[in-house]
Amino acid sequence: MISYFWGLADGNNYITVRLPDDPHMIQALYLSRLSQGVLKDYTFIELMTSADMVDALKRVPEVTAPVE
């Protein structure tokens, strides 16, 4: 776990964690937490640094808006 936040406006709690880059591990973690009753539900949101985003965008072909 990297950090823990209290959501005062919505009553939710938020944590940031670093997980291995392994989809099977992430799925197992998600399912184990729900099945143990630790959490009612939760959402994984992948966060990227600005540098990581620049690298990711370099790998994406040029995106253009569809012509109507």
N, C-alpha and C. Protein backbone atom coordinates (compact mmCIF):
# COMPACT_ATOMS: atom_id res chain seq x y z
N MET A 1 0.85 -1.17 0.00
CA MET A 1 0.00 0.00 0.00
C MET A 1 0.90 1.23 0.00
N ILE A 2 0.53 2.17 -0.86
CA ILE A 2 1.31 3.40 -0.96
C ILE A 2 0.70 4.51 -0.12
N SER A 3 -0.63 4.65 -0.19
CA SER A 3 -1.28 5.71 0.58
C SER A 3 -2.73 5.34 0.87
N TYR A 4 -3.34 6.06 1.80
CA TYR A 4 -4.72 5.83 2.22
C TYR A 4 -5.39 7.19 2.39
N PHE A 5 -6.57 7.32 1.81
CA PHE A 5 -7.28 8.60 1.88
C PHE A 5 -8.71 8.39 2.37
N TRP A 6 -9.23 9.34 3.10
CA TRP A 6 -10.63 9.35 3.54
C TRP A 6 -11.40 10.25 2.59
N GLY A 7 -12.52 9.76 2.06
CA GLY A 7 -13.37 10.57 1.20
C GLY A 7 -14.45 11.23 2.03
N LEU A 8 -14.22 12.42 2.49
CA LEU A 8 -15.15 13.08 3.40
C LEU A 8 -16.50 13.37 2.76
N ALA A 9 -16.52 13.71 1.48
CA ALA A 9 -17.78 14.06 0.84
C ALA A 9 -18.63 12.83 0.53
N ASP A 10 -18.00 11.70 0.21
CA ASP A 10 -18.77 10.54 -0.21
C ASP A 10 -18.73 9.38 0.79
N GLY A 11 -17.96 9.50 1.85
CA GLY A 11 -17.90 8.45 2.85
C GLY A 11 -17.10 7.22 2.43
N ASN A 12 -16.43 7.29 1.29
CA ASN A 12 -15.60 6.18 0.83
C ASN A 12 -14.17 6.38 1.29
N ASN A 13 -13.43 5.29 1.31
CA ASN A 13 -12.00 5.33 1.58
C ASN A 13 -11.28 4.96 0.30
N TYR A 14 -10.11 5.55 0.10
CA TYR A 14 -9.35 5.33 -1.11
C TYR A 14 -7.92 4.94 -0.75
N ILE A 15 -7.42 3.90 -1.40
CA ILE A 15 -6.03 3.51 -1.20
C ILE A 15 -5.33 3.45 -2.55
N THR A 16 -4.04 3.70 -2.53
CA THR A 16 -3.23 3.49 -3.72
C THR A 16 -2.25 2.37 -3.38
N VAL A 17 -2.14 1.43 -4.30
CA VAL A 17 -1.25 0.28 -4.12
C VAL A 17 -0.46 0.06 -5.39
N ARG A 18 0.68 -0.58 -5.24
CA ARG A 18 1.47 -0.97 -6.40
C ARG A 18 1.32 -2.47 -6.53
N LEU A 19 0.85 -2.91 -7.71
CA LEU A 19 0.64 -4.32 -7.99
C LEU A 19 1.59 -4.78 -9.09
N PRO A 20 1.91 -6.06 -9.08
CA PRO A 20 2.76 -6.57 -10.16
C PRO A 20 2.03 -6.44 -11.50
N ASP A 21 2.78 -6.32 -12.56
CA ASP A 21 2.20 -6.20 -13.90
C ASP A 21 1.81 -7.60 -14.38
N ASP A 22 0.83 -8.17 -13.71
CA ASP A 22 0.40 -9.53 -13.98
C ASP A 22 -1.13 -9.60 -13.86
N PRO A 23 -1.84 -9.65 -14.99
CA PRO A 23 -3.31 -9.64 -14.94
C PRO A 23 -3.90 -10.74 -14.09
N HIS A 24 -3.26 -11.92 -14.06
CA HIS A 24 -3.79 -13.03 -13.25
C HIS A 24 -3.69 -12.71 -11.75
N MET A 25 -2.60 -12.08 -11.34
CA MET A 25 -2.43 -11.70 -9.94
C MET A 25 -3.46 -10.65 -9.54
N ILE A 26 -3.70 -9.69 -10.41
CA ILE A 26 -4.67 -8.63 -10.12
C ILE A 26 -6.07 -9.22 -10.00
N GLN A 27 -6.44 -10.12 -10.90
CA GLN A 27 -7.76 -10.76 -10.83
C GLN A 27 -7.90 -11.56 -9.54
N ALA A 28 -6.87 -12.29 -9.16
CA ALA A 28 -6.91 -13.09 -7.94
C ALA A 28 -7.08 -12.20 -6.71
N LEU A 29 -6.36 -11.10 -6.67
CA LEU A 29 -6.47 -10.16 -5.55
C LEU A 29 -7.88 -9.60 -5.48
N TYR A 30 -8.41 -9.19 -6.60
CA TYR A 30 -9.76 -8.62 -6.65
C TYR A 30 -10.79 -9.63 -6.13
N LEU A 31 -10.74 -10.85 -6.64
CA LEU A 31 -11.71 -11.86 -6.24
C LEU A 31 -11.55 -12.28 -4.79
N SER A 32 -10.31 -12.36 -4.31
CA SER A 32 -10.10 -12.80 -2.93
C SER A 32 -10.65 -11.78 -1.93
N ARG A 33 -10.50 -10.51 -2.21
CA ARG A 33 -11.00 -9.48 -1.29
C ARG A 33 -12.52 -9.49 -1.23
N LEU A 34 -13.17 -9.64 -2.38
CA LEU A 34 -14.63 -9.67 -2.39
C LEU A 34 -15.16 -10.93 -1.71
N SER A 35 -14.55 -12.08 -1.98
CA SER A 35 -15.06 -13.33 -1.43
C SER A 35 -14.83 -13.44 0.07
N GLN A 36 -13.83 -12.75 0.60
CA GLN A 36 -13.55 -12.77 2.04
C GLN A 36 -14.47 -11.85 2.81
N GLY A 37 -15.23 -11.02 2.12
CA GLY A 37 -16.11 -10.08 2.79
C GLY A 37 -15.39 -8.86 3.33
N VAL A 38 -14.12 -8.69 2.96
CA VAL A 38 -13.36 -7.53 3.42
C VAL A 38 -13.97 -6.25 2.87
N LEU A 39 -14.42 -6.31 1.64
CA LEU A 39 -15.00 -5.15 0.99
C LEU A 39 -16.33 -5.53 0.34
N LYS A 40 -17.24 -4.59 0.25
CA LYS A 40 -18.49 -4.83 -0.47
C LYS A 40 -18.24 -4.78 -1.97
N ASP A 41 -17.53 -3.77 -2.39
CA ASP A 41 -17.11 -3.66 -3.79
C ASP A 41 -15.99 -2.63 -3.87
N TYR A 42 -15.25 -2.70 -4.94
CA TYR A 42 -14.23 -1.70 -5.16
C TYR A 42 -13.87 -1.67 -6.62
N THR A 43 -13.15 -0.62 -7.01
CA THR A 43 -12.80 -0.40 -8.41
C THR A 43 -11.30 -0.22 -8.51
N PHE A 44 -10.71 -0.91 -9.48
CA PHE A 44 -9.30 -0.69 -9.79
C PHE A 44 -9.22 0.40 -10.84
N ILE A 45 -8.40 1.40 -10.59
CA ILE A 45 -8.15 2.45 -11.57
C ILE A 45 -6.65 2.53 -11.74
N GLU A 46 -6.19 2.29 -12.96
CA GLU A 46 -4.76 2.35 -13.21
C GLU A 46 -4.33 3.81 -13.31
N LEU A 47 -3.34 4.18 -12.53
CA LEU A 47 -2.80 5.53 -12.56
C LEU A 47 -1.45 5.49 -13.28
N MET A 48 -1.19 6.52 -14.06
CA MET A 48 0.07 6.60 -14.79
C MET A 48 0.73 7.94 -14.50
N THR A 49 2.04 7.90 -14.42
CA THR A 49 2.77 9.17 -14.30
C THR A 49 2.72 9.85 -15.66
N SER A 50 3.07 11.12 -15.69
CA SER A 50 3.12 11.85 -16.95
C SER A 50 4.13 11.22 -17.90
N ALA A 51 5.26 10.79 -17.37
CA ALA A 51 6.29 10.16 -18.20
C ALA A 51 5.79 8.85 -18.80
N ASP A 52 5.08 8.04 -17.99
CA ASP A 52 4.52 6.79 -18.50
C ASP A 52 3.49 7.05 -19.58
N MET A 53 2.70 8.11 -19.42
CA MET A 53 1.68 8.45 -20.41
C MET A 53 2.32 8.86 -21.73
N VAL A 54 3.40 9.63 -21.67
CA VAL A 54 4.12 10.03 -22.88
C VAL A 54 4.61 8.78 -23.61
N ASP A 55 5.18 7.82 -22.89
CA ASP A 55 5.66 6.58 -23.49
C ASP A 55 4.50 5.80 -24.11
N ALA A 56 3.37 5.74 -23.41
CA ALA A 56 2.20 5.01 -23.92
C ALA A 56 1.68 5.65 -25.20
N LEU A 57 1.64 6.97 -25.22
CA LEU A 57 1.13 7.67 -26.40
C LEU A 57 2.04 7.48 -27.62
N LYS A 58 3.31 7.28 -27.39
CA LYS A 58 4.24 7.04 -28.50
C LYS A 58 3.93 5.71 -29.18
N ARG A 59 3.33 4.78 -28.45
CA ARG A 59 3.03 3.46 -29.00
C ARG A 59 1.67 3.40 -29.69
N VAL A 60 0.88 4.44 -29.56
CA VAL A 60 -0.46 4.46 -30.15
C VAL A 60 -0.39 5.15 -31.51
N PRO A 61 -0.99 4.52 -32.52
CA PRO A 61 -1.00 5.19 -33.83
C PRO A 61 -1.73 6.53 -33.74
N GLU A 62 -1.43 7.40 -34.67
CA GLU A 62 -2.08 8.72 -34.67
C GLU A 62 -3.59 8.55 -34.69
N VAL A 63 -4.25 9.26 -33.79
CA VAL A 63 -5.70 9.17 -33.68
C VAL A 63 -6.31 10.38 -34.36
N THR A 64 -7.26 10.13 -35.21
CA THR A 64 -7.94 11.24 -35.89
C THR A 64 -9.44 11.11 -35.66
N ALA A 65 -10.13 12.22 -35.66
CA ALA A 65 -11.58 12.22 -35.49
C ALA A 65 -12.22 11.70 -36.78
N PRO A 66 -13.31 10.94 -36.64
CA PRO A 66 -13.98 10.44 -37.85
C PRO A 66 -14.55 11.59 -38.66
N VAL A 67 -14.49 11.44 -39.97
CA VAL A 67 -15.03 12.46 -40.88
C VAL A 67 -16.51 12.20 -41.05
N GLU A 68 -17.30 13.22 -40.84
CA GLU A 68 -18.76 13.07 -40.98
C GLU A 68 -19.25 13.72 -42.23
